């Protein structure tokens, strides 16, 4: 009886924790919950992969999936304009380099999630006042949201480019 009670409590706790991270239905929009893809490998073979965008996986909150060189170039240019040249360079490196030197290939996809607080762009002009305090200034470089490299590694877990 005691074991049955413990099993019930553990099951209930797991159900609550999984439901806390699960996707919730939206009122007027469907959400991508699962993606099944067939990858064409460099040797000509196919590999089937599954991505769950639900229940707290590393793909949770994925907003952008880049799968082509043109997409990576577009994202690098956007990051350069939105955040900094260094942010755009980080995207270029993520696309053009293996996550780890001993990985069999470069990433198949880049994933972007954890965007922070973004707002829709608007046309309103903003007055920016400039002040010259001295010839020396401290500057913080914004590197933008994380870029995750995927499907080039042996482990097939997303890797953040450092």
Foldseek 3Di string as FASTA:
>chain_A
DVVVVVVVVVVVVVVVLQVVFFDDDDDPDDDDAKDWDWDQDPVRDIDIDMDGCTRPAPNPQWDDKDQDPVSLQVVLVVQCVPFRNLLSVQSVCLQPDDLDPPFQFRFRIKTFGPQDDDDDDDDDDDDDDDDDPDPDDDDDGGNGTWIWGADRGPVRGTDTRD
